Amino acid sequence: MAGPIDLRGSAKMAESTTESAQTSAGGTRYGPALALLASLFFMWGFITVINNTLLPHLRSVFDLNYTQTTLIESVWFIAYFVASIPSAMLIRRIGYKPSLVVGLCVMAAGSLGMVPAAQIPSYGVTLVALFVIACGITLLQVAANPYVAVVGPPESAESRLTLVQAFNSMGTFFAPYFGGYLILSRTTGGTSLEGTQLTAAEKLADAQATQLPYMLVAGVLLVIALIIWRSNLPALGAATKRAGVEARKGMSLWAHKNLVYAVPAIFIYLIAEIGVANLFINFVIQPDIAGITPAQAANYLVLLWGGMMVGRFAGSYLMRRFDARRVLACFALFALLVMIGAATLHGPVAMWCLILVGLGHSIMFPTIFALGIKGLGPLTEEASGLLIMAIAGGALVVVQGWLADGYGLQTSFWLTVACEVYIIWYALVGARPTGPQYD
């Protein structure tokens, strides 16, 4: 089991590792703000990955097929599509700091909604509660990602955002321990081999096991909301504010191909990441792969997310010395190769290929995001909204669920292989900046 979430510790680590981005040209110190935001990245990564242990749990409680199981995650990512534009409007109306507080409170409300969902238990109420949590995370994403990307020198934006995203991966690293111990290891379904039939009483007891974890998460979210409310976050510079109507006449988002191609890149990447993470436990418990229980598989899921954390710290370092597009291409090529292994091999080797893809996926989101808004200046806010909306690509994980039901779970990973091909193309060709550069 992981220990208590040490927000002060992660904030101190974030502050110590963002020294190079602590001041702007005008002398404003941004280190404390980045450290505080790193705690947000940690928490939304943590709560998102709890879903990876929740999905196999719900599959046994509600007797779901793979399509119904992945539909849960699709609902989660549909929230990004629905809530992105309203989130951007809210930020313009009330500002960044109040919006972060609202986002955290919305996440806490959704987490508390999981309590009655487990008590009933109800598949429908579970979907609604997870949708609410995802809406809160969307608001945090719309606010925090562009903030981190533009508060420092433009030439280090990719490295800076990748570094802070590493704390997101730190949250994803600890979440499987948390979910594995408090959900899977405390349930009959979580400690039984694939194919075990549960009684009605066992299903009810298993469903109610999710109450305590989500109550703890809600409490932590409300504490962070209070800390954010009492903090001093510097405003973004005037150069990144939404352009006025007259100024917009000479500007066009569509002239920036690095953005135009980044939107589908984010969309496609999310299909790959979410498909691998959500089906990981279901894959490795197969008799011809590892043949272990879901609770045991959760411990290996930790290694997948740990690879993403290590990869982001390493990627941040590499991008200070090498071109970000080349680093992205190398990571994507590695992901392509290990996914081919996961789709074709058997036994523990296939499991380890799926674990290693976390290393390849690690830098993709923050690097694509930073490359997508590079050079957009006053168009950054609109561009960020489009990129966050593209996270809705994770909703298409239901397509992989459909492939798994129709052609086999392992065969469905060829969809992930196809996603990696586009990311390689974006890194080598699509990410080249075009149009007027405003930075």
Protein backbone atom coordinates (compact mmCIF):
# COMPACT_ATOMS: atom_id res chain seq x y z
CA MET A 1 0.00 0.00 0.00
CA ALA A 2 1.21 3.50 -0.74
CA GLY A 3 1.58 5.86 2.16
CA PRO A 4 -0.47 9.07 2.60
CA ILE A 5 -0.29 11.55 -0.25
CA ASP A 6 2.40 14.07 0.80
CA LEU A 7 1.38 17.25 -0.99
CA ARG A 8 4.02 19.32 0.74
CA GLY A 9 6.70 16.85 -0.29
CA SER A 10 5.67 16.79 -3.93
CA ALA A 11 5.40 20.57 -3.97
CA LYS A 12 8.92 20.93 -2.54
CA MET A 13 10.28 18.50 -5.11
CA ALA A 14 8.54 20.40 -7.89
CA GLU A 15 9.94 23.70 -6.67
CA SER A 16 13.47 22.35 -6.46
CA THR A 17 13.27 20.91 -9.99
CA THR A 18 11.84 24.05 -11.61
CA GLU A 19 14.60 26.46 -10.60
CA SER A 20 15.44 27.18 -14.22
CA ALA A 21 11.90 28.49 -14.77
CA GLN A 22 11.51 30.45 -11.54
CA THR A 23 11.78 33.93 -12.99
CA SER A 24 10.48 35.66 -16.05
CA ALA A 25 12.32 38.30 -17.98
CA GLY A 26 10.77 40.88 -15.68
CA GLY A 27 11.96 39.15 -12.54
CA THR A 28 8.68 37.59 -11.46
CA ARG A 29 9.24 34.39 -9.48
CA TYR A 30 7.24 31.47 -10.87
CA GLY A 31 8.90 28.60 -9.00
CA PRO A 32 6.36 28.51 -6.11
CA ALA A 33 3.45 28.67 -8.60
CA LEU A 34 4.88 25.81 -10.66
CA ALA A 35 5.44 23.80 -7.49
CA LEU A 36 1.81 24.29 -6.47
CA LEU A 37 0.60 23.38 -9.94
CA ALA A 38 2.75 20.24 -9.81
CA SER A 39 0.59 19.11 -6.87
CA LEU A 40 -2.50 19.59 -9.05
CA PHE A 41 -0.92 17.56 -11.84
CA PHE A 42 -0.12 14.87 -9.26
CA MET A 43 -3.68 14.71 -8.00
CA TRP A 44 -5.51 14.56 -11.29
CA GLY A 45 -3.10 11.89 -12.49
CA PHE A 46 -3.78 9.97 -9.28
CA ILE A 47 -7.55 10.05 -9.54
CA THR A 48 -7.56 9.29 -13.27
CA VAL A 49 -5.54 6.11 -12.82
CA ILE A 50 -7.72 4.86 -9.99
CA ASN A 51 -10.06 4.10 -12.91
CA ASN A 52 -7.58 1.48 -14.15
CA THR A 53 -8.17 -0.55 -10.99
CA LEU A 54 -11.86 0.41 -10.88
CA LEU A 55 -12.69 -0.94 -14.37
CA PRO A 56 -11.85 -4.63 -13.82
CA HIS A 57 -13.59 -4.32 -10.44
CA LEU A 58 -16.79 -2.97 -12.03
CA ARG A 59 -16.58 -5.57 -14.78
CA SER A 60 -16.98 -8.34 -12.20
CA VAL A 61 -19.58 -6.48 -10.11
CA PHE A 62 -21.89 -5.67 -13.06
CA ASP A 63 -20.95 -8.62 -15.35
CA LEU A 64 -19.78 -6.26 -18.12
CA ASN A 65 -18.26 -7.23 -21.45
CA TYR A 66 -15.21 -5.35 -22.77
CA THR A 67 -17.34 -2.89 -24.73
CA GLN A 68 -19.37 -1.96 -21.64
CA THR A 69 -16.20 -1.78 -19.53
CA THR A 70 -14.45 0.62 -21.89
CA LEU A 71 -17.67 2.63 -22.21
CA ILE A 72 -17.06 3.73 -18.61
CA GLU A 73 -13.81 5.31 -19.70
CA SER A 74 -15.45 6.73 -22.81
CA VAL A 75 -17.91 8.63 -20.62
CA TRP A 76 -14.92 9.97 -18.68
CA PHE A 77 -13.33 11.40 -21.82
CA ILE A 78 -16.56 12.63 -23.37
CA ALA A 79 -16.47 15.09 -20.46
CA TYR A 80 -13.37 16.68 -21.99
CA PHE A 81 -15.29 17.39 -25.19
CA VAL A 82 -18.35 18.69 -23.35
CA ALA A 83 -16.59 20.75 -20.68
CA SER A 84 -13.58 22.25 -22.53
CA ILE A 85 -15.31 25.29 -24.06
CA PRO A 86 -17.37 26.09 -20.92
CA SER A 87 -14.13 25.78 -18.93
CA ALA A 88 -12.36 28.31 -21.16
CA MET A 89 -15.34 30.68 -20.81
CA LEU A 90 -15.30 30.30 -17.03
CA ILE A 91 -11.58 31.04 -16.87
CA ARG A 92 -12.06 34.24 -18.90
CA ARG A 93 -14.92 35.27 -16.60
CA ILE A 94 -13.53 34.57 -13.12
CA GLY A 95 -9.78 34.08 -13.67
CA TYR A 96 -7.33 31.22 -13.30
CA LYS A 97 -7.12 30.79 -9.54
CA PRO A 98 -10.88 30.74 -8.84
CA SER A 99 -11.31 28.35 -11.77
CA LEU A 100 -8.76 25.96 -10.28
CA VAL A 101 -10.66 26.03 -7.00
CA VAL A 102 -13.97 25.38 -8.77
CA GLY A 103 -12.41 22.48 -10.69
CA LEU A 104 -11.14 20.86 -7.50
CA CYS A 105 -14.53 21.24 -5.80
CA VAL A 106 -16.30 19.70 -8.81
CA MET A 107 -13.89 16.75 -8.65
CA ALA A 108 -14.59 16.37 -4.93
CA ALA A 109 -18.36 16.40 -5.57
CA GLY A 110 -18.00 13.66 -8.18
CA SER A 111 -15.83 11.59 -5.85
CA LEU A 112 -18.48 11.81 -3.14
CA GLY A 113 -21.04 10.75 -5.76
CA MET A 114 -19.24 7.40 -5.94
CA VAL A 115 -20.45 6.67 -2.39
CA PRO A 116 -24.19 6.32 -3.24
CA ALA A 117 -23.21 4.70 -6.56
CA ALA A 118 -21.49 1.94 -4.57
CA GLN A 119 -24.19 1.72 -1.91
CA ILE A 120 -27.05 1.06 -4.37
CA PRO A 121 -25.04 -0.26 -6.40
CA SER A 122 -25.73 1.39 -9.76
CA TYR A 123 -23.83 1.30 -13.05
CA GLY A 124 -25.66 4.46 -14.22
CA VAL A 125 -24.91 6.50 -11.09
CA THR A 126 -21.27 5.39 -11.35
CA LEU A 127 -21.11 6.78 -14.90
CA VAL A 128 -22.61 10.11 -13.76
CA ALA A 129 -20.19 10.43 -10.83
CA LEU A 130 -17.17 9.70 -13.02
CA PHE A 131 -18.43 12.20 -15.62
CA VAL A 132 -18.58 14.92 -12.94
CA ILE A 133 -15.03 14.12 -11.77
CA ALA A 134 -13.80 14.33 -15.36
CA CYS A 135 -15.49 17.72 -15.87
CA GLY A 136 -13.52 19.06 -12.90
CA ILE A 137 -10.28 17.67 -14.30
CA THR A 138 -11.06 19.26 -17.68
CA LEU A 139 -11.28 22.67 -16.05
CA LEU A 140 -7.90 22.10 -14.36
CA GLN A 141 -6.37 20.94 -17.66
CA VAL A 142 -7.61 23.98 -19.62
CA ALA A 143 -6.16 26.29 -16.98
CA ALA A 144 -2.92 24.61 -15.94
CA ASN A 145 -1.34 23.28 -19.16
CA PRO A 146 -1.07 26.61 -21.04
CA TYR A 147 -0.09 28.35 -17.80
CA VAL A 148 2.94 26.11 -17.37
CA ALA A 149 3.84 26.31 -21.06
CA VAL A 150 4.00 30.13 -21.24
CA VAL A 151 5.31 31.28 -17.85
CA GLY A 152 8.95 30.73 -18.80
CA PRO A 153 11.21 31.11 -21.85
CA PRO A 154 9.49 29.88 -25.07
CA GLU A 155 12.51 27.78 -26.04
CA SER A 156 12.12 25.60 -22.92
CA ALA A 157 8.30 25.27 -22.98
CA GLU A 158 8.36 21.60 -24.03
CA SER A 159 10.89 20.72 -21.32
CA ARG A 160 9.04 22.69 -18.63
CA LEU A 161 5.62 21.20 -19.37
CA THR A 162 7.11 17.70 -19.60
CA LEU A 163 8.79 18.22 -16.22
CA VAL A 164 5.59 19.29 -14.48
CA GLN A 165 3.69 16.49 -16.22
CA ALA A 166 6.19 14.13 -14.57
CA PHE A 167 4.40 14.89 -11.30
CA ASN A 168 1.18 13.86 -13.02
CA SER A 169 2.91 10.55 -13.70
CA MET A 170 4.02 10.38 -10.09
CA GLY A 171 0.32 10.44 -9.16
CA THR A 172 -0.39 7.71 -11.70
CA PHE A 173 2.47 5.68 -10.18
CA PHE A 174 0.98 5.68 -6.67
CA ALA A 175 -2.67 5.28 -7.71
CA PRO A 176 -2.51 1.55 -8.59
CA TYR A 177 -1.10 0.80 -5.12
CA PHE A 178 -3.94 2.78 -3.58
CA GLY A 179 -6.64 1.22 -5.76
CA GLY A 180 -5.10 -2.23 -5.62
CA TYR A 181 -5.00 -2.24 -1.82
CA LEU A 182 -8.26 -0.45 -1.00
CA ILE A 183 -10.37 -1.85 -3.86
CA LEU A 184 -9.01 -4.99 -5.53
CA SER A 185 -7.29 -6.69 -2.57
CA ARG A 186 -10.35 -6.16 -0.35
CA THR A 187 -12.83 -7.73 -2.77
CA THR A 188 -13.70 -11.26 -3.80
CA GLY A 189 -13.52 -10.43 -7.50
CA GLY A 190 -10.16 -8.72 -7.09
CA THR A 191 -8.56 -11.72 -5.42
CA SER A 192 -10.03 -14.39 -7.70
CA LEU A 193 -8.73 -15.73 -10.98
CA GLU A 194 -10.38 -14.82 -14.31
CA GLY A 195 -13.71 -16.62 -14.82
CA THR A 196 -14.67 -16.95 -11.14
CA GLN A 197 -18.44 -16.52 -10.66
CA LEU A 198 -19.50 -14.25 -7.78
CA THR A 199 -22.67 -14.57 -5.72
CA ALA A 200 -25.07 -11.63 -5.39
CA ALA A 201 -23.85 -10.98 -1.82
CA GLU A 202 -20.22 -10.98 -2.94
CA LYS A 203 -21.00 -8.51 -5.75
CA LEU A 204 -22.73 -6.14 -3.31
CA ALA A 205 -19.80 -6.30 -0.88
CA ASP A 206 -17.34 -5.73 -3.71
CA ALA A 207 -19.29 -2.70 -4.97
CA GLN A 208 -19.28 -1.07 -1.53
CA ALA A 209 -15.50 -1.44 -1.29
CA THR A 210 -15.10 1.68 -3.46
CA GLN A 211 -16.69 4.00 -0.89
CA LEU A 212 -13.68 4.56 1.38
CA PRO A 213 -11.13 5.27 -1.40
CA TYR A 214 -13.29 7.93 -3.01
CA MET A 215 -14.15 9.55 0.33
CA LEU A 216 -10.41 9.87 1.02
CA VAL A 217 -9.82 11.33 -2.44
CA ALA A 218 -12.62 13.89 -1.95
CA GLY A 219 -11.08 15.02 1.35
CA VAL A 220 -7.65 15.54 -0.22
CA LEU A 221 -9.16 17.48 -3.15
CA LEU A 222 -10.93 19.87 -0.79
CA VAL A 223 -7.70 20.46 1.14
CA ILE A 224 -5.87 21.31 -2.11
CA ALA A 225 -8.72 23.65 -3.09
CA LEU A 226 -8.25 25.54 0.18
CA ILE A 227 -4.48 25.78 -0.38
CA ILE A 228 -5.00 27.12 -3.93
CA TRP A 229 -7.57 29.65 -2.71
CA ARG A 230 -5.11 31.06 -0.15
CA SER A 231 -2.15 31.10 -2.58
CA ASN A 232 -0.81 33.84 -4.82
CA LEU A 233 -0.69 32.72 -8.43
CA PRO A 234 0.81 35.29 -10.84
CA ALA A 235 -1.31 36.21 -13.84
CA LEU A 236 -0.31 35.23 -17.36
CA GLY A 237 1.37 37.95 -19.36
CA ALA A 238 -0.57 40.24 -21.65
CA ALA A 239 1.11 38.65 -24.69
CA THR A 240 -0.86 35.45 -24.19
CA LYS A 241 -4.27 37.00 -23.58
CA ARG A 242 -7.07 36.46 -26.08
CA ALA A 243 -6.66 38.80 -29.04
CA GLY A 244 -9.30 41.46 -29.62
CA VAL A 245 -11.67 41.48 -32.59
CA GLU A 246 -9.57 43.94 -34.61
CA ALA A 247 -6.30 42.15 -33.89
CA ARG A 248 -7.90 38.83 -34.82
CA LYS A 249 -8.44 40.03 -38.40
CA GLY A 250 -4.79 39.46 -39.14
CA MET A 251 -4.45 36.17 -37.23
CA SER A 252 -5.59 32.63 -37.95
CA LEU A 253 -5.19 29.45 -35.98
CA TRP A 254 -5.35 27.46 -39.21
CA ALA A 255 -2.16 29.07 -40.53
CA HIS A 256 -0.25 27.19 -37.81
CA LYS A 257 0.08 23.63 -39.07
CA ASN A 258 1.89 22.62 -35.89
CA LEU A 259 -1.44 23.26 -34.12
CA VAL A 260 -3.68 21.86 -36.86
CA TYR A 261 -1.83 18.53 -36.82
CA ALA A 262 -1.40 18.57 -33.02
CA VAL A 263 -5.16 18.37 -32.41
CA PRO A 264 -5.51 14.92 -34.04
CA ALA A 265 -2.14 13.94 -32.52
CA ILE A 266 -3.51 14.52 -28.99
CA PHE A 267 -6.76 12.81 -29.96
CA ILE A 268 -4.97 9.75 -31.33
CA TYR A 269 -2.41 9.60 -28.52
CA LEU A 270 -5.20 9.44 -25.93
CA ILE A 271 -6.72 6.44 -27.71
CA ALA A 272 -3.34 4.69 -27.36
CA GLU A 273 -2.63 5.63 -23.75
CA ILE A 274 -6.10 4.95 -22.39
CA GLY A 275 -6.56 1.71 -24.30
CA VAL A 276 -3.33 0.29 -22.92
CA ALA A 277 -3.89 1.45 -19.34
CA ASN A 278 -7.53 0.43 -19.06
CA LEU A 279 -7.12 -3.02 -20.59
CA PHE A 280 -3.77 -3.75 -18.95
CA ILE A 281 -5.16 -5.72 -15.99
CA ASN A 282 -7.66 -7.59 -18.16
CA PHE A 283 -4.80 -8.47 -20.54
CA VAL A 284 -2.19 -9.73 -18.06
CA ILE A 285 -4.63 -11.89 -16.08
CA GLN A 286 -5.24 -13.98 -19.22
CA PRO A 287 -3.96 -17.58 -18.74
CA ASP A 288 -1.70 -17.36 -21.83
CA ILE A 289 -0.13 -14.07 -20.70
CA ALA A 290 0.63 -14.01 -16.93
CA GLY A 291 -2.33 -15.90 -15.43
CA ILE A 292 -2.43 -13.84 -12.24
CA THR A 293 -5.22 -12.25 -10.18
CA PRO A 294 -6.40 -8.65 -10.75
CA ALA A 295 -4.90 -7.60 -7.40
CA GLN A 296 -1.51 -8.99 -8.45
CA ALA A 297 -1.84 -7.37 -11.88
CA ALA A 298 -2.33 -3.97 -10.24
CA ASN A 299 1.23 -4.21 -8.92
CA TYR A 300 2.52 -4.57 -12.49
CA LEU A 301 0.32 -1.66 -13.61
CA VAL A 302 2.38 0.44 -11.21
CA LEU A 303 5.42 -0.29 -13.38
CA LEU A 304 3.60 0.97 -16.50
CA TRP A 305 2.88 4.31 -14.85
CA GLY A 306 6.31 4.35 -13.22
CA GLY A 307 7.80 4.15 -16.69
CA MET A 308 5.81 7.21 -17.69
CA MET A 309 7.12 9.10 -14.67
CA VAL A 310 10.75 8.15 -15.35
CA GLY A 311 10.33 8.89 -19.05
CA ARG A 312 9.01 12.39 -18.38
CA PHE A 313 11.87 13.32 -16.08
CA ALA A 314 14.33 11.90 -18.63
CA GLY A 315 12.51 13.57 -21.52
CA SER A 316 12.59 16.95 -19.79
CA TYR A 317 16.37 16.58 -19.43
CA LEU A 318 16.87 15.43 -23.03
CA MET A 319 14.80 18.26 -24.49
CA ARG A 320 17.11 20.80 -22.89
CA ARG A 321 19.89 19.37 -25.06
CA PHE A 322 18.18 18.01 -28.18
CA ASP A 323 15.37 19.17 -30.45
CA ALA A 324 12.00 18.28 -28.88
CA ARG A 325 10.64 16.91 -32.16
CA ARG A 326 13.49 14.41 -32.50
CA VAL A 327 13.12 13.29 -28.88
CA LEU A 328 9.38 12.78 -29.45
CA ALA A 329 10.06 10.73 -32.61
CA CYS A 330 12.49 8.45 -30.75
CA PHE A 331 10.07 7.82 -27.90
CA ALA A 332 7.23 7.14 -30.35
CA LEU A 333 9.36 4.66 -32.32
CA PHE A 334 10.15 2.80 -29.10
CA ALA A 335 6.42 2.70 -28.26
CA LEU A 336 5.66 1.33 -31.73
CA LEU A 337 8.15 -1.53 -31.36
CA VAL A 338 7.02 -2.69 -27.91
CA MET A 339 3.33 -2.48 -28.91
CA ILE A 340 4.01 -4.79 -31.84
CA GLY A 341 5.50 -7.15 -29.26
CA ALA A 342 2.41 -6.88 -27.02
CA ALA A 343 0.14 -7.60 -30.00
CA THR A 344 2.04 -10.67 -31.22
CA LEU A 345 3.89 -12.34 -28.34
CA HIS A 346 2.62 -14.50 -25.46
CA GLY A 347 3.50 -15.17 -21.84
CA PRO A 348 5.28 -12.73 -19.52
CA VAL A 349 7.19 -11.25 -22.50
CA ALA A 350 3.94 -9.79 -23.87
CA MET A 351 3.14 -8.36 -20.44
CA TRP A 352 6.54 -6.67 -20.21
CA CYS A 353 6.14 -5.21 -23.69
CA LEU A 354 2.89 -3.60 -22.51
CA ILE A 355 4.61 -2.32 -19.38
CA LEU A 356 7.44 -0.75 -21.40
CA VAL A 357 5.05 1.20 -23.61
CA GLY A 358 4.58 3.54 -20.63
CA LEU A 359 8.15 4.72 -21.17
CA GLY A 360 7.44 5.41 -24.83
CA HIS A 361 4.17 7.22 -24.11
CA SER A 362 5.64 9.30 -21.31
CA ILE A 363 6.51 12.54 -23.11
CA MET A 364 3.87 12.43 -25.83
CA PHE A 365 1.07 14.55 -24.33
CA PRO A 366 3.15 17.42 -22.88
CA THR A 367 5.49 17.56 -25.90
CA ILE A 368 2.68 17.52 -28.48
CA PHE A 369 0.82 20.16 -26.45
CA ALA A 370 3.82 22.47 -26.21
CA LEU A 371 4.72 22.00 -29.90
CA GLY A 372 1.10 22.65 -30.84
CA ILE A 373 0.93 26.09 -29.18
CA LYS A 374 4.47 27.10 -30.09
CA GLY A 375 4.61 30.54 -31.68
CA LEU A 376 0.90 31.32 -31.22
CA GLY A 377 1.27 34.20 -28.74
CA PRO A 378 -2.19 35.81 -28.24
CA LEU A 379 -3.80 32.79 -29.90
CA THR A 380 -2.48 30.50 -27.17
CA GLU A 381 -5.72 30.48 -25.16
CA GLU A 382 -7.87 29.39 -28.12
CA ALA A 383 -5.28 26.84 -29.25
CA SER A 384 -5.10 25.37 -25.74
CA GLY A 385 -8.87 24.95 -25.67
CA LEU A 386 -8.74 22.96 -28.92
CA LEU A 387 -5.93 20.73 -27.66
CA ILE A 388 -7.68 20.01 -24.36
CA MET A 389 -10.88 19.23 -26.24
CA ALA A 390 -8.88 16.69 -28.25
CA ILE A 391 -8.35 14.71 -25.05
CA ALA A 392 -11.86 13.45 -25.81
CA GLY A 393 -10.04 11.00 -28.07
CA GLY A 394 -9.80 8.83 -24.99
CA ALA A 395 -13.55 8.22 -25.41
CA LEU A 396 -12.79 6.12 -28.49
CA VAL A 397 -11.24 3.48 -26.24
CA VAL A 398 -14.68 1.93 -26.65
CA VAL A 399 -13.58 1.08 -30.21
CA GLN A 400 -10.77 -0.99 -28.73
CA GLY A 401 -13.29 -2.65 -26.44
CA TRP A 402 -15.38 -3.52 -29.48
CA LEU A 403 -12.29 -4.94 -31.25
CA ALA A 404 -11.43 -6.95 -28.14
CA ASP A 405 -14.92 -8.46 -28.03
CA GLY A 406 -14.95 -9.23 -31.74
CA TYR A 407 -11.37 -10.25 -32.49
CA GLY A 408 -9.65 -10.86 -29.15
CA LEU A 409 -8.08 -8.61 -26.53
CA GLN A 410 -4.52 -9.03 -27.78
CA THR A 411 -5.48 -8.38 -31.40
CA SER A 412 -7.10 -5.08 -30.34
CA PHE A 413 -3.64 -3.68 -29.55
CA TRP A 414 -2.99 -3.27 -33.28
CA LEU A 415 -5.14 -0.15 -32.94
CA THR A 416 -2.49 1.21 -30.56
CA VAL A 417 0.24 0.34 -33.07
CA ALA A 418 -1.55 2.45 -35.70
CA CYS A 419 -1.74 5.37 -33.26
CA GLU A 420 2.02 5.29 -32.72
CA VAL A 421 2.60 5.63 -36.48
CA TYR A 422 0.77 8.98 -36.57
CA ILE A 423 2.72 10.31 -33.59
CA ILE A 424 5.99 9.51 -35.37
CA TRP A 425 4.75 11.38 -38.46
CA TYR A 426 3.71 14.38 -36.36
CA ALA A 427 7.11 14.55 -34.68
CA LEU A 428 9.05 14.38 -37.94
CA VAL A 429 6.75 16.39 -40.24
CA GLY A 430 3.58 17.82 -38.70
CA ALA A 431 5.15 19.68 -35.76
CA ARG A 432 7.19 22.08 -37.88
CA PRO A 433 5.97 25.63 -37.06
CA THR A 434 4.25 27.50 -39.89
CA GLY A 435 2.50 30.86 -40.11
CA PRO A 436 3.42 34.05 -38.22
CA GLN A 437 5.38 33.42 -35.02
CA TYR A 438 4.12 35.64 -32.20
CA ASP A 439 6.45 34.62 -29.35
